[in-house]
Amino acid sequence: MLGLAAAATAAGKVARSLDKKCVSAARMTRGTHWMLNRTLCTKTQEGSAQKPKPAASGSSFKLPGHSPSDWDKKFLIWTGRFKKVEDIPETVSFEMIDAARNKMRVKMSYLMIALTILGCIIMVIAGKRAVGRHESLTSQNMERKARWKEEAAQSASAKP
């Protein structure tokens, strides 16, 4: 037990000493300001003599949301968010779609659990019936091998 603790502390000391000696990317950029990302600047690189592009026709403001697909509409109905397809608006929030999908995932997992349990129960019942008929894999295997031996003997006797 003491050997494991000593090995763990020795490994920790080695890791700390290597960490101090290695150059860390986080330490390199800690005090530097030359690595700033300038992608959000509104000025052009060539100069400010160019005219800004006109806005697209219509409103440049877009409402946040998601146009639901047919499956999303079915999920929204099955999860009880809406009663009919006609009640679903053209744009729905991402959170509502995500909540409906998560609810359907949970319902499908419950369905798969129930089907697995039902399959197990059916297999147990079928196995008990097979035991009642005195059927087993061993007896079926022995019958198959006996049939193969008979076929091999017949084919051997048929060849002169």
N, C-alpha and C. Protein backbone atom coordinates (compact mmCIF):
# COMPACT_ATOMS: atom_id res chain seq x y z
N MET A 1 0.83 -1.18 0.00
CA MET A 1 0.00 0.00 0.00
C MET A 1 0.87 1.24 0.00
N LEU A 2 1.95 1.21 0.82
CA LEU A 2 2.84 2.36 0.86
C LEU A 2 3.59 2.52 -0.46
N GLY A 3 3.85 1.43 -1.13
CA GLY A 3 4.54 1.49 -2.41
C GLY A 3 3.72 2.23 -3.46
N LEU A 4 2.39 2.01 -3.46
CA LEU A 4 1.52 2.71 -4.40
C LEU A 4 1.47 4.20 -4.12
N ALA A 5 1.40 4.57 -2.85
CA ALA A 5 1.35 5.98 -2.49
C ALA A 5 2.65 6.68 -2.85
N ALA A 6 3.76 6.00 -2.62
CA ALA A 6 5.06 6.59 -2.96
C ALA A 6 5.20 6.75 -4.46
N ALA A 7 4.72 5.77 -5.22
CA ALA A 7 4.79 5.85 -6.68
C ALA A 7 3.92 6.98 -7.19
N ALA A 8 2.75 7.16 -6.57
CA ALA A 8 1.84 8.23 -7.00
C ALA A 8 2.45 9.59 -6.71
N THR A 9 3.05 9.77 -5.55
CA THR A 9 3.65 11.07 -5.24
C THR A 9 4.86 11.32 -6.12
N ALA A 10 5.64 10.28 -6.41
CA ALA A 10 6.80 10.45 -7.31
C ALA A 10 6.33 10.83 -8.71
N ALA A 11 5.27 10.20 -9.18
CA ALA A 11 4.74 10.53 -10.50
C ALA A 11 4.22 11.96 -10.52
N GLY A 12 3.60 12.39 -9.43
CA GLY A 12 3.12 13.77 -9.35
C GLY A 12 4.26 14.77 -9.38
N LYS A 13 5.35 14.46 -8.68
CA LYS A 13 6.51 15.35 -8.68
C LYS A 13 7.13 15.45 -10.07
N VAL A 14 7.21 14.32 -10.77
CA VAL A 14 7.78 14.32 -12.12
C VAL A 14 6.89 15.14 -13.06
N ALA A 15 5.57 14.98 -12.95
CA ALA A 15 4.66 15.72 -13.81
C ALA A 15 4.76 17.22 -13.55
N ARG A 16 4.87 17.62 -12.27
CA ARG A 16 4.98 19.04 -11.95
C ARG A 16 6.28 19.63 -12.47
N SER A 17 7.37 18.88 -12.36
CA SER A 17 8.65 19.40 -12.83
C SER A 17 8.66 19.51 -14.35
N LEU A 18 8.05 18.56 -15.04
CA LEU A 18 7.96 18.65 -16.49
C LEU A 18 7.07 19.80 -16.92
N ASP A 19 5.99 20.05 -16.16
CA ASP A 19 5.08 21.15 -16.48
C ASP A 19 5.79 22.49 -16.34
N LYS A 20 6.65 22.62 -15.35
CA LYS A 20 7.38 23.87 -15.17
C LYS A 20 8.40 24.09 -16.28
N LYS A 21 9.00 23.01 -16.78
CA LYS A 21 10.03 23.14 -17.79
C LYS A 21 9.46 23.30 -19.20
N CYS A 22 8.28 22.75 -19.45
CA CYS A 22 7.69 22.83 -20.78
C CYS A 22 7.12 24.22 -21.02
N VAL A 23 7.17 24.65 -22.27
CA VAL A 23 6.62 25.95 -22.63
C VAL A 23 5.13 25.76 -22.86
N SER A 24 4.35 26.51 -22.17
CA SER A 24 2.90 26.40 -22.28
C SER A 24 2.38 27.47 -23.23
N ALA A 25 1.47 27.09 -24.09
CA ALA A 25 0.89 28.05 -25.03
C ALA A 25 0.07 29.09 -24.28
N ALA A 26 -0.56 28.70 -23.19
CA ALA A 26 -1.34 29.65 -22.41
C ALA A 26 -0.42 30.69 -21.76
N ARG A 27 0.78 30.24 -21.30
CA ARG A 27 1.71 31.19 -20.70
C ARG A 27 2.28 32.12 -21.74
N MET A 28 2.44 31.65 -22.98
CA MET A 28 3.02 32.49 -24.02
C MET A 28 2.08 33.63 -24.39
N THR A 29 0.79 33.40 -24.38
CA THR A 29 -0.16 34.42 -24.82
C THR A 29 -0.74 35.21 -23.66
N ARG A 30 -0.30 34.95 -22.46
CA ARG A 30 -0.89 35.60 -21.29
C ARG A 30 -0.71 37.12 -21.34
N GLY A 31 0.48 37.62 -21.62
CA GLY A 31 0.71 39.05 -21.56
C GLY A 31 0.78 39.71 -22.92
N THR A 32 0.57 38.98 -23.99
CA THR A 32 0.71 39.57 -25.31
C THR A 32 -0.63 40.06 -25.83
N HIS A 33 -0.58 41.18 -26.51
CA HIS A 33 -1.80 41.73 -27.09
C HIS A 33 -1.72 41.73 -28.60
N TRP A 34 -0.64 41.23 -29.15
CA TRP A 34 -0.47 41.23 -30.59
C TRP A 34 -1.25 40.12 -31.28
N MET A 35 -1.85 39.21 -30.51
CA MET A 35 -2.58 38.10 -31.11
C MET A 35 -4.09 38.34 -31.13
N LEU A 36 -4.50 39.60 -31.03
CA LEU A 36 -5.93 39.89 -31.02
C LEU A 36 -6.56 39.55 -32.37
N ASN A 37 -7.78 39.10 -32.34
CA ASN A 37 -8.50 38.75 -33.55
C ASN A 37 -9.20 40.00 -34.06
N ARG A 38 -8.89 40.42 -35.26
CA ARG A 38 -9.46 41.64 -35.82
C ARG A 38 -10.49 41.35 -36.90
N THR A 39 -11.15 40.22 -36.84
CA THR A 39 -12.11 39.87 -37.89
C THR A 39 -13.41 40.65 -37.77
N LEU A 40 -13.67 41.28 -36.65
CA LEU A 40 -14.94 41.98 -36.48
C LEU A 40 -14.83 43.47 -36.80
N CYS A 41 -13.71 43.91 -37.34
CA CYS A 41 -13.55 45.32 -37.69
C CYS A 41 -14.48 45.66 -38.85
N THR A 42 -15.02 46.86 -38.84
CA THR A 42 -15.91 47.29 -39.91
C THR A 42 -15.17 48.04 -40.99
N LYS A 43 -13.95 48.48 -40.75
CA LYS A 43 -13.18 49.19 -41.75
C LYS A 43 -12.61 48.20 -42.75
N THR A 44 -12.54 48.61 -44.00
CA THR A 44 -11.95 47.74 -45.01
C THR A 44 -10.44 47.90 -44.97
N GLN A 45 -9.75 46.91 -45.47
CA GLN A 45 -8.29 46.92 -45.43
C GLN A 45 -7.71 47.87 -46.48
N GLU A 46 -8.38 48.01 -47.65
CA GLU A 46 -7.85 48.85 -48.71
C GLU A 46 -7.95 50.33 -48.37
N GLY A 47 -8.89 50.70 -47.65
CA GLY A 47 -9.09 52.10 -47.30
C GLY A 47 -10.55 52.38 -47.06
N SER A 48 -10.81 53.55 -46.56
CA SER A 48 -12.20 53.88 -46.24
C SER A 48 -12.86 54.63 -47.38
N ALA A 49 -12.25 54.66 -48.59
CA ALA A 49 -12.82 55.37 -49.72
C ALA A 49 -13.97 54.60 -50.35
N GLN A 50 -14.05 53.27 -50.10
CA GLN A 50 -15.11 52.48 -50.69
C GLN A 50 -16.43 52.75 -49.97
N LYS A 51 -17.50 52.69 -50.74
CA LYS A 51 -18.82 52.90 -50.17
C LYS A 51 -19.32 51.60 -49.56
N PRO A 52 -20.03 51.68 -48.48
CA PRO A 52 -20.58 50.45 -47.91
C PRO A 52 -21.65 49.88 -48.83
N LYS A 53 -21.77 48.55 -48.79
CA LYS A 53 -22.76 47.88 -49.62
C LYS A 53 -24.15 48.20 -49.12
N PRO A 54 -25.10 48.41 -50.03
CA PRO A 54 -26.46 48.68 -49.60
C PRO A 54 -27.08 47.42 -49.00
N ALA A 55 -28.00 47.62 -48.08
CA ALA A 55 -28.66 46.50 -47.44
C ALA A 55 -29.56 45.80 -48.44
N ALA A 56 -29.76 44.53 -48.22
CA ALA A 56 -30.61 43.75 -49.12
C ALA A 56 -32.03 44.26 -49.04
N SER A 57 -32.78 44.01 -50.10
CA SER A 57 -34.15 44.49 -50.12
C SER A 57 -34.94 43.80 -49.01
N GLY A 58 -35.78 44.53 -48.37
CA GLY A 58 -36.55 43.99 -47.26
C GLY A 58 -35.84 44.27 -45.95
N SER A 59 -36.32 43.66 -44.94
CA SER A 59 -35.77 43.88 -43.61
C SER A 59 -34.51 43.05 -43.42
N SER A 60 -33.49 43.65 -42.86
CA SER A 60 -32.27 42.91 -42.58
C SER A 60 -32.37 42.18 -41.26
N PHE A 61 -33.42 42.47 -40.50
CA PHE A 61 -33.62 41.82 -39.21
C PHE A 61 -34.41 40.54 -39.42
N LYS A 62 -33.90 39.45 -38.90
CA LYS A 62 -34.58 38.17 -39.01
C LYS A 62 -34.93 37.68 -37.62
N LEU A 63 -36.17 37.30 -37.45
CA LEU A 63 -36.60 36.78 -36.15
C LEU A 63 -35.89 35.48 -35.87
N PRO A 64 -35.42 35.29 -34.65
CA PRO A 64 -34.78 34.02 -34.33
C PRO A 64 -35.83 32.92 -34.32
N GLY A 65 -35.48 31.84 -34.90
CA GLY A 65 -36.42 30.73 -34.92
C GLY A 65 -36.01 29.70 -35.94
N HIS A 66 -36.87 28.77 -36.13
CA HIS A 66 -36.58 27.63 -36.99
C HIS A 66 -37.85 27.27 -37.72
N SER A 67 -37.72 27.07 -39.01
CA SER A 67 -38.85 26.61 -39.79
C SER A 67 -38.92 25.10 -39.63
N PRO A 68 -39.92 24.58 -38.94
CA PRO A 68 -39.93 23.14 -38.63
C PRO A 68 -40.17 22.29 -39.87
N SER A 69 -39.47 21.18 -39.94
CA SER A 69 -39.67 20.21 -41.01
C SER A 69 -40.91 19.38 -40.70
N ASP A 70 -41.23 18.46 -41.60
CA ASP A 70 -42.40 17.60 -41.37
C ASP A 70 -42.22 16.74 -40.12
N TRP A 71 -40.99 16.21 -39.93
CA TRP A 71 -40.73 15.40 -38.74
C TRP A 71 -40.83 16.25 -37.48
N ASP A 72 -40.30 17.47 -37.54
CA ASP A 72 -40.40 18.35 -36.38
C ASP A 72 -41.85 18.64 -36.03
N LYS A 73 -42.68 18.83 -37.07
CA LYS A 73 -44.11 19.07 -36.83
C LYS A 73 -44.75 17.86 -36.17
N LYS A 74 -44.38 16.66 -36.64
CA LYS A 74 -44.92 15.44 -36.03
C LYS A 74 -44.49 15.33 -34.57
N PHE A 75 -43.21 15.66 -34.31
CA PHE A 75 -42.72 15.62 -32.92
C PHE A 75 -43.47 16.61 -32.06
N LEU A 76 -43.71 17.81 -32.58
CA LEU A 76 -44.43 18.83 -31.80
C LEU A 76 -45.85 18.38 -31.49
N ILE A 77 -46.47 17.66 -32.41
CA ILE A 77 -47.83 17.16 -32.16
C ILE A 77 -47.80 15.99 -31.19
N TRP A 78 -46.87 15.03 -31.41
CA TRP A 78 -46.81 13.84 -30.56
C TRP A 78 -46.43 14.17 -29.13
N THR A 79 -45.65 15.21 -28.93
CA THR A 79 -45.26 15.58 -27.57
C THR A 79 -46.29 16.46 -26.89
N GLY A 80 -47.33 16.85 -27.60
CA GLY A 80 -48.41 17.60 -26.99
C GLY A 80 -48.23 19.11 -27.00
N ARG A 81 -47.28 19.62 -27.78
CA ARG A 81 -47.10 21.08 -27.85
C ARG A 81 -48.24 21.74 -28.61
N PHE A 82 -48.70 21.07 -29.67
CA PHE A 82 -49.80 21.59 -30.48
C PHE A 82 -50.78 20.47 -30.74
N LYS A 83 -52.03 20.85 -31.00
CA LYS A 83 -53.08 19.85 -31.22
C LYS A 83 -53.12 19.39 -32.67
N LYS A 84 -52.96 20.34 -33.62
CA LYS A 84 -53.05 20.02 -35.05
C LYS A 84 -51.88 20.64 -35.78
N VAL A 85 -51.65 20.17 -37.00
CA VAL A 85 -50.56 20.71 -37.82
C VAL A 85 -50.84 22.17 -38.16
N GLU A 86 -52.09 22.53 -38.31
CA GLU A 86 -52.44 23.90 -38.66
C GLU A 86 -52.13 24.88 -37.53
N ASP A 87 -52.03 24.40 -36.30
CA ASP A 87 -51.75 25.27 -35.16
C ASP A 87 -50.27 25.65 -35.06
N ILE A 88 -49.40 24.91 -35.75
CA ILE A 88 -47.96 25.16 -35.65
C ILE A 88 -47.61 26.40 -36.47
N PRO A 89 -46.96 27.40 -35.87
CA PRO A 89 -46.57 28.59 -36.64
C PRO A 89 -45.45 28.28 -37.63
N GLU A 90 -45.18 29.22 -38.54
CA GLU A 90 -44.15 28.99 -39.56
C GLU A 90 -42.75 28.96 -38.97
N THR A 91 -42.51 29.75 -37.95
CA THR A 91 -41.22 29.71 -37.26
C THR A 91 -41.44 29.37 -35.81
N VAL A 92 -40.64 28.46 -35.33
CA VAL A 92 -40.73 27.98 -33.95
C VAL A 92 -39.35 28.15 -33.33
N SER A 93 -39.29 28.42 -32.06
CA SER A 93 -38.00 28.63 -31.40
C SER A 93 -37.21 27.32 -31.38
N PHE A 94 -35.89 27.48 -31.38
CA PHE A 94 -35.01 26.31 -31.33
C PHE A 94 -35.23 25.53 -30.05
N GLU A 95 -35.50 26.24 -28.97
CA GLU A 95 -35.70 25.56 -27.69
C GLU A 95 -36.91 24.65 -27.72
N MET A 96 -37.98 25.10 -28.40
CA MET A 96 -39.19 24.28 -28.46
C MET A 96 -38.94 23.02 -29.30
N ILE A 97 -38.23 23.17 -30.42
CA ILE A 97 -37.90 22.01 -31.26
C ILE A 97 -37.00 21.06 -30.49
N ASP A 98 -36.01 21.60 -29.80
CA ASP A 98 -35.08 20.78 -29.04
C ASP A 98 -35.80 20.05 -27.91
N ALA A 99 -36.70 20.73 -27.23
CA ALA A 99 -37.46 20.08 -26.15
C ALA A 99 -38.34 18.97 -26.70
N ALA A 100 -38.96 19.20 -27.87
CA ALA A 100 -39.81 18.16 -28.46
C ALA A 100 -38.97 16.95 -28.87
N ARG A 101 -37.79 17.21 -29.45
CA ARG A 101 -36.93 16.09 -29.85
C ARG A 101 -36.45 15.32 -28.63
N ASN A 102 -36.08 16.02 -27.57
CA ASN A 102 -35.64 15.33 -26.35
C ASN A 102 -36.76 14.50 -25.75
N LYS A 103 -37.97 15.04 -25.77
CA LYS A 103 -39.11 14.29 -25.23
C LYS A 103 -39.36 13.03 -26.07
N MET A 104 -39.20 13.14 -27.39
CA MET A 104 -39.39 11.98 -28.25
C MET A 104 -38.27 10.95 -28.01
N ARG A 105 -37.05 11.41 -27.76
CA ARG A 105 -35.95 10.48 -27.45
C ARG A 105 -36.28 9.68 -26.19
N VAL A 106 -36.80 10.37 -25.19
CA VAL A 106 -37.15 9.70 -23.93
C VAL A 106 -38.28 8.70 -24.16
N LYS A 107 -39.31 9.12 -24.93
CA LYS A 107 -40.42 8.22 -25.21
C LYS A 107 -39.95 6.99 -25.99
N MET A 108 -39.06 7.20 -26.97
CA MET A 108 -38.56 6.07 -27.75
C MET A 108 -37.70 5.13 -26.89
N SER A 109 -36.93 5.69 -25.96
CA SER A 109 -36.14 4.82 -25.09
C SER A 109 -37.05 4.01 -24.17
N TYR A 110 -38.13 4.64 -23.67
CA TYR A 110 -39.09 3.88 -22.86
C TYR A 110 -39.75 2.78 -23.70
N LEU A 111 -40.07 3.09 -24.95
CA LEU A 111 -40.67 2.09 -25.83
C LEU A 111 -39.71 0.93 -26.06
N MET A 112 -38.44 1.24 -26.28
CA MET A 112 -37.45 0.18 -26.51
C MET A 112 -37.25 -0.67 -25.25
N ILE A 113 -37.29 -0.05 -24.09
CA ILE A 113 -37.19 -0.81 -22.84
C ILE A 113 -38.37 -1.75 -22.70
N ALA A 114 -39.58 -1.24 -22.98
CA ALA A 114 -40.79 -2.07 -22.87
C ALA A 114 -40.75 -3.23 -23.86
N LEU A 115 -40.31 -2.95 -25.10
CA LEU A 115 -40.23 -4.01 -26.10
C LEU A 115 -39.18 -5.06 -25.72
N THR A 116 -38.09 -4.64 -25.12
CA THR A 116 -37.06 -5.59 -24.68
C THR A 116 -37.60 -6.49 -23.58
N ILE A 117 -38.29 -5.91 -22.62
CA ILE A 117 -38.88 -6.71 -21.54
C ILE A 117 -39.94 -7.66 -22.08
N LEU A 118 -40.76 -7.17 -23.02
CA LEU A 118 -41.78 -8.02 -23.64
C LEU A 118 -41.14 -9.17 -24.40
N GLY A 119 -40.06 -8.89 -25.13
CA GLY A 119 -39.35 -9.96 -25.85
C GLY A 119 -38.77 -10.99 -24.91
N CYS A 120 -38.24 -10.55 -23.77
CA CYS A 120 -37.70 -11.49 -22.79
C CYS A 120 -38.80 -12.38 -22.23
N ILE A 121 -39.94 -11.80 -21.93
CA ILE A 121 -41.06 -12.59 -21.39
C ILE A 121 -41.53 -13.61 -22.42
N ILE A 122 -41.62 -13.20 -23.69
CA ILE A 122 -42.04 -14.13 -24.75
C ILE A 122 -41.03 -15.27 -24.89
N MET A 123 -39.75 -14.98 -24.80
CA MET A 123 -38.73 -16.03 -24.90
C MET A 123 -38.81 -17.00 -23.73
N VAL A 124 -39.09 -16.50 -22.54
CA VAL A 124 -39.23 -17.39 -21.38
C VAL A 124 -40.43 -18.30 -21.57
N ILE A 125 -41.55 -17.75 -22.03
CA ILE A 125 -42.75 -18.57 -22.26
C ILE A 125 -42.49 -19.62 -23.34
N ALA A 126 -41.83 -19.21 -24.44
CA ALA A 126 -41.53 -20.17 -25.51
C ALA A 126 -40.58 -21.26 -25.01
N GLY A 127 -39.63 -20.90 -24.17
CA GLY A 127 -38.70 -21.89 -23.62
C GLY A 127 -39.41 -22.88 -22.71
N LYS A 128 -40.34 -22.41 -21.90
CA LYS A 128 -41.07 -23.32 -21.00
C LYS A 128 -41.96 -24.27 -21.80
N ARG A 129 -42.56 -23.76 -22.88
CA ARG A 129 -43.37 -24.65 -23.73
C ARG A 129 -42.50 -25.71 -24.40
N ALA A 130 -41.29 -25.31 -24.83
CA ALA A 130 -40.38 -26.27 -25.46
C ALA A 130 -39.96 -27.34 -24.46
N VAL A 131 -39.75 -26.97 -23.21
CA VAL A 131 -39.40 -27.96 -22.18
C VAL A 131 -40.58 -28.90 -21.96
N GLY A 132 -41.80 -28.36 -22.01
CA GLY A 132 -42.98 -29.21 -21.85
C GLY A 132 -43.10 -30.21 -22.98
N ARG A 133 -42.63 -29.87 -24.18
CA ARG A 133 -42.66 -30.80 -25.33
C ARG A 133 -41.39 -31.65 -25.39
N HIS A 134 -40.53 -31.51 -24.40
CA HIS A 134 -39.25 -32.24 -24.32
C HIS A 134 -38.34 -31.90 -25.50
N GLU A 135 -38.35 -30.63 -25.90
CA GLU A 135 -37.45 -30.15 -26.94
C GLU A 135 -36.33 -29.38 -26.28
N SER A 136 -35.12 -29.63 -26.77
CA SER A 136 -33.98 -28.86 -26.29
C SER A 136 -32.98 -28.73 -27.43
N LEU A 137 -32.05 -27.85 -27.26
CA LEU A 137 -31.03 -27.67 -28.30
C LEU A 137 -30.17 -28.92 -28.44
N THR A 138 -29.96 -29.61 -27.33
CA THR A 138 -29.15 -30.83 -27.36
C THR A 138 -29.84 -31.91 -28.17
N SER A 139 -31.14 -32.10 -27.93
CA SER A 139 -31.86 -33.15 -28.67
C SER A 139 -31.98 -32.79 -30.15
N GLN A 140 -32.18 -31.49 -30.46
CA GLN A 140 -32.25 -31.08 -31.87
C GLN A 140 -30.91 -31.29 -32.56
N ASN A 141 -29.81 -31.00 -31.86
CA ASN A 141 -28.48 -31.19 -32.42
C ASN A 141 -28.20 -32.66 -32.66
N MET A 142 -28.58 -33.52 -31.72
CA MET A 142 -28.36 -34.95 -31.88
C MET A 142 -29.18 -35.51 -33.05
N GLU A 143 -30.43 -35.04 -33.21
CA GLU A 143 -31.26 -35.48 -34.33
C GLU A 143 -30.65 -35.05 -35.66
N ARG A 144 -30.14 -33.84 -35.73
CA ARG A 144 -29.53 -33.33 -36.96
C ARG A 144 -28.29 -34.15 -37.32
N LYS A 145 -27.45 -34.45 -36.32
CA LYS A 145 -26.25 -35.24 -36.59
C LYS A 145 -26.59 -36.66 -37.03
N ALA A 146 -27.65 -37.23 -36.44
CA ALA A 146 -28.08 -38.57 -36.84
C ALA A 146 -28.58 -38.55 -38.27
N ARG A 147 -29.30 -37.49 -38.64
CA ARG A 147 -29.78 -37.35 -40.02
C ARG A 147 -28.61 -37.22 -40.99
N TRP A 148 -27.58 -36.47 -40.62
CA TRP A 148 -26.40 -36.31 -41.47
C TRP A 148 -25.67 -37.64 -41.65
N LYS A 149 -25.59 -38.43 -40.57
CA LYS A 149 -24.92 -39.74 -40.66
C LYS A 149 -25.69 -40.66 -41.59
N GLU A 150 -27.03 -40.64 -41.51
CA GLU A 150 -27.85 -41.47 -42.40
C GLU A 150 -27.65 -41.05 -43.84
N GLU A 151 -27.65 -39.73 -44.09
CA GLU A 151 -27.47 -39.24 -45.45
C GLU A 151 -26.09 -39.60 -45.98
N ALA A 152 -25.07 -39.52 -45.13
CA ALA A 152 -23.72 -39.88 -45.53
C ALA A 152 -23.63 -41.39 -45.83
N ALA A 153 -24.32 -42.20 -45.01
CA ALA A 153 -24.31 -43.65 -45.23
C ALA A 153 -25.05 -43.99 -46.52
N GLN A 154 -26.17 -43.33 -46.80
CA GLN A 154 -26.91 -43.57 -48.04
C GLN A 154 -26.11 -43.15 -49.26
N SER A 155 -25.44 -42.02 -49.17
CA SER A 155 -24.65 -41.55 -50.32
C SER A 155 -23.43 -42.46 -50.53
N ALA A 156 -22.88 -43.00 -49.44
CA ALA A 156 -21.75 -43.91 -49.56
C ALA A 156 -22.18 -45.24 -50.16
N SER A 157 -23.37 -45.76 -49.78
CA SER A 157 -23.85 -47.02 -50.32
C SER A 157 -24.35 -46.86 -51.75
N ALA A 158 -24.74 -45.65 -52.14
CA ALA A 158 -25.23 -45.42 -53.50
C ALA A 158 -24.05 -45.33 -54.48
N LYS A 159 -22.87 -44.98 -54.01
CA LYS A 159 -21.70 -44.91 -54.89
C LYS A 159 -21.08 -46.31 -55.00
N PRO A 160 -21.09 -46.93 -56.19
CA PRO A 160 -20.47 -48.26 -56.32
C PRO A 160 -18.99 -48.21 -56.60
